[in-house]
Protein backbone atom coordinates (compact mmCIF):
# COMPACT_ATOMS: atom_id res chain seq x y z
CA MET A 1 -18.03 -7.69 -34.07
CA THR A 2 -17.69 -4.03 -33.03
CA VAL A 3 -20.40 -2.17 -31.12
CA VAL A 4 -20.13 1.63 -30.72
CA ASN A 5 -22.32 3.41 -28.19
CA GLY A 6 -22.57 6.95 -26.88
CA ASN A 7 -22.94 5.98 -23.24
CA GLY A 8 -22.35 2.44 -22.05
CA GLY A 9 -23.82 0.60 -19.09
CA GLY A 10 -26.88 2.07 -17.42
CA SER A 11 -29.40 1.79 -14.62
CA SER A 12 -30.86 -1.68 -14.11
CA HIS A 13 -30.96 -4.72 -11.87
CA TYR A 14 -29.82 -8.32 -12.47
CA SER A 15 -28.61 -7.53 -16.01
CA THR A 16 -25.77 -9.25 -17.89
CA MET A 17 -23.47 -7.92 -20.60
CA VAL A 18 -20.95 -10.20 -22.32
CA VAL A 19 -18.22 -9.27 -24.81
CA THR A 20 -16.26 -12.38 -25.78
CA GLY A 21 -13.97 -13.75 -28.45
CA THR A 22 -10.99 -12.39 -30.36
CA GLY A 23 -12.04 -9.45 -32.54
CA SER A 24 -15.12 -8.62 -30.46
CA VAL A 25 -15.13 -4.94 -29.43
CA TYR A 26 -17.49 -2.82 -27.35
CA SER A 27 -16.58 0.87 -27.72
CA CYS A 28 -18.15 3.60 -25.58
CA ASP A 29 -17.59 7.19 -26.76
CA LYS A 30 -18.42 8.90 -23.47
CA VAL A 31 -19.29 7.42 -20.08
CA PHE A 32 -19.49 3.77 -19.14
CA TYR A 33 -21.45 3.63 -15.89
CA ILE A 34 -23.09 0.94 -13.78
CA ASN A 35 -25.71 1.37 -11.10
CA GLY A 36 -28.55 -0.70 -9.78
CA THR A 37 -28.05 -4.12 -8.19
CA LEU A 38 -26.35 -7.38 -9.14
CA ASN A 39 -25.41 -6.42 -12.69
CA THR A 40 -22.56 -8.27 -14.41
CA VAL A 41 -20.24 -7.21 -17.24
CA THR A 42 -17.89 -9.92 -18.59
CA VAL A 43 -15.16 -9.33 -21.17
CA SER A 44 -13.35 -12.54 -22.05
CA ASP A 45 -11.43 -14.71 -24.50
CA GLY A 46 -9.51 -11.91 -26.26
CA ALA A 47 -12.31 -9.33 -26.52
CA LEU A 48 -11.94 -5.54 -26.04
CA LEU A 49 -14.01 -3.10 -23.97
CA ARG A 50 -12.98 0.54 -24.34
CA THR A 51 -14.26 3.94 -23.33
CA SER A 52 -13.67 6.91 -25.63
CA ALA A 53 -11.35 5.89 -28.43
CA GLY A 54 -10.81 9.61 -28.91
CA GLY A 55 -11.48 12.37 -26.39
CA SER A 56 -12.08 12.23 -22.66
CA SER A 57 -14.38 9.82 -20.88
CA TYR A 58 -14.60 7.78 -17.69
CA PHE A 59 -15.78 4.56 -16.09
CA GLN A 60 -17.98 4.71 -12.99
CA PHE A 61 -19.98 2.69 -10.50
CA TYR A 62 -22.67 5.34 -10.23
CA ALA A 63 -25.55 6.57 -8.01
CA GLY A 64 -25.81 3.95 -5.28
CA PRO A 65 -24.82 0.72 -7.07
CA ILE A 66 -24.82 -2.47 -5.01
CA ASN A 67 -23.00 -5.78 -5.63
CA ASN A 68 -22.18 -5.25 -9.30
CA THR A 69 -19.28 -7.02 -11.02
CA VAL A 70 -17.03 -6.21 -13.98
CA LEU A 71 -14.82 -9.16 -14.96
CA ILE A 72 -11.97 -8.74 -17.45
CA THR A 73 -10.52 -12.22 -17.97
CA ASP A 74 -8.36 -14.48 -20.16
CA PRO A 75 -5.12 -13.81 -22.09
CA GLY A 76 -5.51 -11.18 -24.81
CA THR A 77 -8.60 -9.62 -23.23
CA ILE A 78 -8.25 -5.85 -22.76
CA PHE A 79 -10.11 -3.04 -21.00
CA THR A 80 -9.06 0.54 -21.82
CA ASN A 81 -10.40 3.74 -20.28
CA ASN A 82 -9.46 7.21 -21.52
CA GLY A 83 -10.15 9.11 -18.33
CA TRP A 84 -10.94 8.64 -14.65
CA MET A 85 -12.23 5.50 -12.96
CA TYR A 86 -14.67 6.11 -10.09
CA PHE A 87 -15.68 3.61 -7.43
CA SER A 88 -17.52 6.18 -5.34
CA GLY A 89 -20.72 6.48 -3.38
CA ASN A 90 -21.48 10.10 -2.77
CA TRP A 91 -25.16 9.52 -3.55
CA GLY A 92 -26.05 7.33 -0.58
CA PRO A 93 -25.51 3.77 0.66
CA GLU A 94 -23.84 1.49 -1.87
CA GLY A 95 -21.14 -1.13 -1.96
CA GLY A 96 -19.90 -4.56 -2.81
CA ASN A 97 -18.96 -3.53 -6.37
CA ARG A 98 -16.02 -5.41 -7.89
CA PHE A 99 -13.76 -4.71 -10.87
CA ILE A 100 -11.69 -7.86 -11.46
CA VAL A 101 -8.82 -8.44 -13.88
CA SER A 102 -7.89 -12.11 -13.96
CA ASN A 103 -6.31 -15.04 -15.80
CA GLY A 104 -3.80 -13.03 -17.84
CA ALA A 105 -6.08 -10.17 -18.93
CA ALA A 106 -5.04 -6.50 -18.98
CA ALA A 107 -6.73 -3.21 -17.99
CA TYR A 108 -5.52 0.33 -18.66
CA SER A 109 -6.68 3.77 -17.54
CA THR A 110 -5.19 7.15 -18.39
CA GLY A 111 -6.69 8.92 -15.38
CA PRO A 112 -6.73 8.48 -11.62
CA VAL A 113 -8.51 5.55 -9.99
CA MET A 114 -10.79 6.68 -7.14
CA ILE A 115 -12.13 4.03 -4.75
CA GLN A 116 -13.96 6.12 -2.17
CA GLY A 117 -16.51 5.28 0.47
CA SER A 118 -19.99 6.74 0.76
CA SER A 119 -20.61 9.84 2.79
CA VAL A 120 -23.24 7.67 4.54
CA VAL A 121 -21.51 4.31 5.00
CA PRO A 122 -18.26 2.62 3.87
CA SER A 123 -18.89 0.75 0.64
CA SER A 124 -16.37 -2.11 0.41
CA ASN A 125 -15.77 -1.65 -3.32
CA VAL A 126 -12.79 -3.62 -4.66
CA LEU A 127 -10.35 -3.42 -7.53
CA MET A 128 -8.77 -6.89 -7.76
CA ILE A 129 -5.92 -8.02 -10.01
CA ALA A 130 -5.60 -11.79 -9.76
CA GLY A 131 -3.43 -14.41 -11.43
CA SER A 132 -0.09 -14.58 -13.20
CA GLY A 133 0.07 -12.25 -16.20
CA SER A 134 -2.96 -10.21 -15.11
CA ALA A 135 -2.11 -6.51 -15.09
CA PHE A 136 -3.65 -3.12 -14.39
CA ARG A 137 -1.90 0.09 -15.42
CA THR A 138 -2.79 3.74 -14.82
CA GLU A 139 -0.95 6.86 -15.92
CA SER A 140 -1.96 8.53 -12.67
CA TYR A 141 -2.49 7.75 -8.96
CA ILE A 142 -4.71 5.26 -7.17
CA TYR A 143 -6.76 6.74 -4.30
CA LEU A 144 -8.21 4.41 -1.67
CA GLY A 145 -10.58 5.67 1.02
CA ASP A 146 -13.26 3.05 1.26
CA SER A 147 -13.15 0.87 4.39
CA ASP A 148 -10.98 -1.44 6.51
CA ILE A 149 -11.53 -4.11 3.88
CA PRO A 150 -8.78 -3.78 1.23
CA ALA A 151 -10.10 -1.76 -1.71
CA LEU A 152 -7.09 -2.76 -3.81
CA VAL A 153 -6.16 -6.45 -3.86
CA ILE A 154 -3.25 -7.75 -5.93
CA THR A 155 -3.00 -11.52 -5.61
CA ASN A 156 -1.54 -14.74 -7.03
CA GLY A 157 0.91 -13.08 -9.42
CA GLY A 158 -1.13 -10.08 -10.54
CA SER A 159 0.55 -6.70 -11.19
CA VAL A 160 -0.42 -3.03 -10.83
CA PHE A 161 1.61 -0.16 -12.31
CA GLY A 162 1.04 3.54 -11.70
CA LEU A 163 2.49 6.85 -10.56
CA GLY A 164 1.68 6.28 -6.89
CA GLY A 165 -0.94 5.55 -4.28
CA VAL A 166 -2.84 7.49 -1.60
CA LEU A 167 -4.64 5.59 1.17
CA ALA A 168 -7.12 7.55 3.31
CA GLY A 169 -5.97 10.87 1.92
CA TYR A 170 -8.94 12.88 3.20
CA ALA A 171 -10.42 13.59 6.62
CA ASN A 172 -12.37 10.76 8.28
CA GLN A 173 -11.42 8.26 5.60
CA VAL A 174 -10.29 4.65 6.07
CA GLY A 175 -8.14 3.06 3.37
CA ALA A 176 -6.59 -0.39 2.96
CA ALA A 177 -4.68 -2.36 0.34
CA LEU A 178 -3.31 -5.91 0.13
CA VAL A 179 -0.51 -7.29 -2.05
CA THR A 180 -0.22 -11.05 -1.58
CA GLY A 181 1.12 -14.15 -3.26
CA SER A 182 4.33 -15.05 -5.07
CA GLY A 183 4.89 -12.87 -8.14
CA SER A 184 2.33 -10.24 -7.11
CA LEU A 185 3.59 -6.69 -7.63
CA TRP A 186 2.50 -3.11 -6.98
CA SER A 187 4.99 -0.84 -8.75
CA ASN A 188 4.85 2.96 -8.33
CA THR A 189 6.98 5.47 -10.19
CA TYR A 190 6.68 8.01 -7.40
CA ASP A 191 5.38 8.03 -3.82
CA LEU A 192 3.02 6.21 -1.50
CA THR A 193 1.07 8.19 1.09
CA LEU A 194 -0.84 6.59 3.95
CA ALA A 195 -3.29 8.60 6.08
CA GLY A 196 -3.57 12.21 4.97
CA GLN A 197 -2.25 14.31 2.10
CA ASN A 198 -1.56 17.57 3.94
CA ASN A 199 -1.23 18.91 7.45
CA SER A 200 -4.90 19.89 7.78
CA ILE A 201 -6.24 16.34 7.32
CA THR A 202 -7.56 14.71 10.52
CA ASN A 203 -9.08 11.44 11.74
CA CYS A 204 -7.97 9.18 8.91
CA ARG A 205 -6.68 5.62 9.09
CA ALA A 206 -4.78 3.45 6.60
CA THR A 207 -3.31 -0.05 6.38
CA LEU A 208 -1.10 -1.51 3.65
CA THR A 209 -0.03 -5.18 3.81
CA VAL A 210 2.57 -6.94 1.65
CA ARG A 211 2.81 -10.66 2.35
CA ASP A 212 3.39 -14.16 1.05
CA ASN A 213 6.39 -13.30 -1.20
CA ALA A 214 4.65 -10.37 -2.92
CA ARG A 215 6.52 -7.14 -3.73
CA LEU A 216 5.87 -3.40 -3.39
CA VAL A 217 8.00 -0.75 -5.15
CA ASN A 218 7.95 3.05 -4.81
CA ARG A 219 10.19 6.12 -4.56
CA SER A 220 9.37 7.60 -1.13
CA ALA A 221 6.71 6.58 1.37
CA PHE A 222 4.84 8.53 4.04
CA ILE A 223 3.25 6.36 6.72
CA ALA A 224 0.80 8.58 8.63
CA TYR A 225 1.46 11.75 6.70
CA ALA A 226 -0.88 14.14 8.50
CA GLY A 227 -2.99 14.68 11.58
CA VAL A 228 -3.04 17.18 14.40
CA THR A 229 -3.46 16.80 18.14
CA GLY A 230 -6.98 15.65 18.95
CA GLY A 231 -7.63 14.36 15.45
CA ALA A 232 -4.53 12.41 14.61
CA CYS A 233 -4.30 10.16 11.56
CA ARG A 234 -2.87 6.65 11.98
CA ALA A 235 -1.27 4.32 9.48
CA THR A 236 0.26 0.85 9.59
CA MET A 237 2.57 -0.72 7.02
CA VAL A 238 3.01 -4.49 7.37
CA VAL A 239 5.60 -6.47 5.40
CA THR A 240 5.46 -10.13 6.41
CA ASP A 241 5.72 -13.78 5.38
CA GLY A 242 8.45 -13.27 2.79
CA GLY A 243 7.06 -10.02 1.41
CA GLN A 244 9.44 -7.46 -0.09
CA TRP A 245 9.21 -3.64 -0.03
CA ASP A 246 11.71 -1.45 -1.91
CA SER A 247 11.86 2.36 -1.61
CA SER A 248 14.39 4.09 -3.84
CA ASP A 249 14.45 7.19 -1.63
CA SER A 250 13.17 7.80 1.93
CA VAL A 251 10.51 6.41 4.25
CA LEU A 252 8.91 8.67 6.87
CA VAL A 253 7.01 6.77 9.56
CA GLY A 254 4.98 9.53 11.17
CA ALA A 255 5.69 12.33 8.70
CA SER A 256 3.99 15.67 9.44
CA GLY A 257 1.63 14.43 12.14
CA GLY A 258 -0.23 11.42 13.44
CA ARG A 259 1.21 8.03 14.33
CA GLY A 260 2.78 5.60 11.89
CA THR A 261 3.87 2.01 12.43
CA LEU A 262 6.14 -0.13 10.26
CA ILE A 263 6.24 -3.89 10.92
CA VAL A 264 8.73 -6.17 9.17
CA SER A 265 8.36 -9.81 10.18
CA ASN A 266 8.67 -13.49 9.34
CA ALA A 267 11.36 -13.55 6.61
CA ALA A 268 10.12 -10.32 4.99
CA GLU A 269 12.44 -7.56 3.76
CA ALA A 270 12.02 -3.78 3.65
CA ALA A 271 14.66 -1.48 2.17
CA ALA A 272 15.09 2.29 1.76
CA LEU A 273 18.03 3.77 -0.12
CA THR A 274 18.50 7.06 1.76
CA GLN A 275 16.72 7.15 5.13
CA VAL A 276 14.00 5.81 7.39
CA VAL A 277 12.78 8.47 9.83
CA LEU A 278 10.55 7.70 12.81
CA GLY A 279 8.56 10.73 14.01
CA ASN A 280 9.73 13.23 11.42
CA ALA A 281 7.88 16.32 12.74
CA ALA A 282 7.23 17.52 16.28
CA THR A 283 3.58 16.34 16.17
CA ALA A 284 4.40 12.95 14.65
CA THR A 285 5.26 9.57 16.17
CA GLY A 286 6.82 6.60 14.42
CA ASP A 287 7.17 3.02 15.64
CA LEU A 288 9.26 0.27 14.06
CA GLN A 289 9.06 -3.46 14.79
CA VAL A 290 11.51 -5.86 13.18
CA VAL A 291 10.84 -9.44 14.29
CA GLY A 292 12.13 -12.25 12.12
CA GLY A 293 12.48 -9.86 9.16
CA THR A 294 15.10 -7.49 7.75
CA LEU A 295 15.17 -3.70 7.41
CA THR A 296 17.97 -2.29 5.23
CA VAL A 297 18.92 1.39 4.99
CA THR A 298 22.18 1.43 3.06
CA ASN A 299 23.68 2.87 -0.11
CA ALA A 300 26.99 2.95 -1.95
CA SER A 301 28.02 6.21 -0.24
CA ALA A 302 27.42 4.72 3.23
CA THR A 303 25.01 7.58 4.06
CA GLY A 304 21.91 5.50 4.73
CA LEU A 305 20.29 6.58 8.01
CA LEU A 306 17.80 5.09 10.43
CA ASP A 307 16.75 8.23 12.30
CA VAL A 308 14.68 7.57 15.43
CA ARG A 309 13.43 11.05 16.36
CA ARG A 310 10.07 10.54 18.06
CA GLY A 311 8.99 6.97 18.59
CA SER A 312 10.43 3.55 19.21
CA VAL A 313 12.25 0.60 17.69
CA LEU A 314 11.65 -2.97 18.81
CA LEU A 315 14.17 -5.43 17.42
CA GLY A 316 12.87 -8.88 18.24
CA VAL A 317 13.80 -12.50 17.73
CA GLY A 318 15.46 -13.18 14.37
CA GLY A 319 15.21 -9.53 13.33
CA LEU A 320 17.99 -7.75 11.43
CA ILE A 321 18.44 -4.01 11.01
CA ARG A 322 21.18 -3.18 8.52
CA ALA A 323 21.93 0.56 8.31
CA ASP A 324 24.90 2.75 7.48
CA ASN A 325 24.08 4.98 10.45
CA LEU A 326 21.60 4.97 13.33
CA THR A 327 20.58 7.88 15.54
CA VAL A 328 18.19 7.98 18.51
CA THR A 329 17.13 11.45 19.74
CA ASN A 330 14.48 13.33 21.73
CA ASN A 331 12.34 10.99 23.84
CA SER A 332 12.66 8.00 21.54
CA SER A 333 13.66 4.48 22.53
CA LEU A 334 15.59 1.65 20.96
CA ARG A 335 14.99 -1.76 22.48
CA PHE A 336 16.69 -5.06 21.71
CA ASN A 337 14.44 -7.89 22.90
CA PHE A 338 16.51 -11.05 22.52
CA LEU A 339 14.55 -13.66 24.42
CA ASN A 340 15.22 -16.65 22.20
CA GLU A 341 18.10 -18.67 20.84
CA SER A 342 17.84 -16.92 17.47
CA SER A 343 18.71 -13.38 18.53
CA GLY A 344 18.18 -10.17 16.61
CA GLN A 345 21.02 -8.16 15.13
CA ILE A 346 21.92 -4.60 14.18
CA ASP A 347 24.63 -4.34 11.55
CA LEU A 348 26.15 -0.86 11.21
CA GLY A 349 29.35 -1.93 9.50
CA SER A 350 31.75 0.91 10.34
CA GLY A 351 28.88 3.36 10.80
CA LEU A 352 27.70 5.39 13.76
CA LEU A 353 25.25 4.55 16.55
CA LYS A 354 24.29 7.78 18.31
CA VAL A 355 21.93 8.08 21.29
CA ASP A 356 21.43 11.76 22.08
CA GLY A 357 18.96 13.63 24.30
CA ALA A 358 17.97 13.56 27.94
CA ASP A 359 15.01 11.23 27.38
CA ALA A 360 16.43 9.02 24.64
CA THR A 361 16.96 5.41 25.72
CA LEU A 362 18.84 2.36 24.53
CA THR A 363 17.66 -0.85 26.22
CA VAL A 364 19.29 -4.21 25.62
CA ASP A 365 17.34 -7.09 27.17
CA LEU A 366 19.87 -9.91 27.47
CA THR A 367 17.56 -12.22 29.37
CA ARG A 368 18.66 -15.83 29.13
CA TYR A 369 16.17 -18.04 27.32
CA GLU A 370 15.10 -21.32 28.89
CA GLY A 371 17.76 -24.02 28.78
CA ALA A 372 20.44 -21.67 27.50
CA ALA A 373 24.09 -22.13 28.29
CA GLY A 374 24.74 -18.39 28.33
CA PHE A 375 23.37 -14.92 27.74
CA ARG A 376 22.84 -12.88 24.59
CA THR A 377 25.62 -10.46 23.58
CA LEU A 378 25.66 -6.95 22.16
CA VAL A 379 28.54 -6.58 19.69
CA THR A 380 29.55 -3.22 18.17
CA TYR A 381 31.99 -2.55 15.35
CA GLY A 382 31.49 1.18 14.82
CA SER A 383 31.43 3.95 17.40
CA MET A 384 28.92 4.70 20.19
CA PRO A 385 29.49 8.29 21.33
């Protein structure tokens, strides 16, 4: 069965819409919108829900919707949207709206995905991709500025593909995302930006977590892109519990302003092909913690660089930093905190460790752990000018 409608969805409460079974199609020529309270749209068992088979359209949780759910589920089930997707609340209090792709279903959007909070209160809207074979793809960027609760959740083998992501890109926004579970993937063709999109953005906060053997892929990443004195933006990137993060270019932790933190822990791995810079600009600060995880900044030309300009590095128990070159400048600090039998390690191969500047510090804590027969040791193979 095929149903064609000018505008889909609508304003109601406690309503249910079901499109199910192979060959079942609901086609909306213009706008598919949902508002009201506790409405449910389910597309399942090989059915198709599409907006605008030809021309431009969009999908939207609209005008103060509360606790509505769209569920795209089962292998062969497809949602397609020829335009933007809005999870936004610029019309007053709203929230708790969920768009879920699960159990091997697929969703596709040509335009950007906007999950923004209300101008009145954060809304806790969620785009969730759950289960092996479940996938969401956009030909544009995903923008998250909703609340501390992750607005994008990729879990249990789900996948998201797009051009890039922006978390808390505007002033006073809070953005969060979570990639978790073995086989889960967020793959970006271009860049990730956390906390601000330009130098004028202030008072924003972002958190991105990759854990439990999930994977994140991008070109470059900016952790705390913007923020000025008195209104600094902050961002935290956490890769833990076997998570994997791969950047094919550079990572700036504290880019143009604000404070960024990168944490790699508990058997997780983070890698950048060209450079990782802490505190890139004069108004920025970057902090790195590697405890029980691995950070790799290497390439075939041996030009990979961990550049500690303005901030700090804490290398803790079981941590490994593998870089072609490492520099510490300005008032930054590099601390080795080896207080356990399983010590941390920096591997520079034949590269260069350079500590330069009147206030730059290199601290090696070789405190003997309880019951030890000896002390920890700092071993260098390259040069330390």
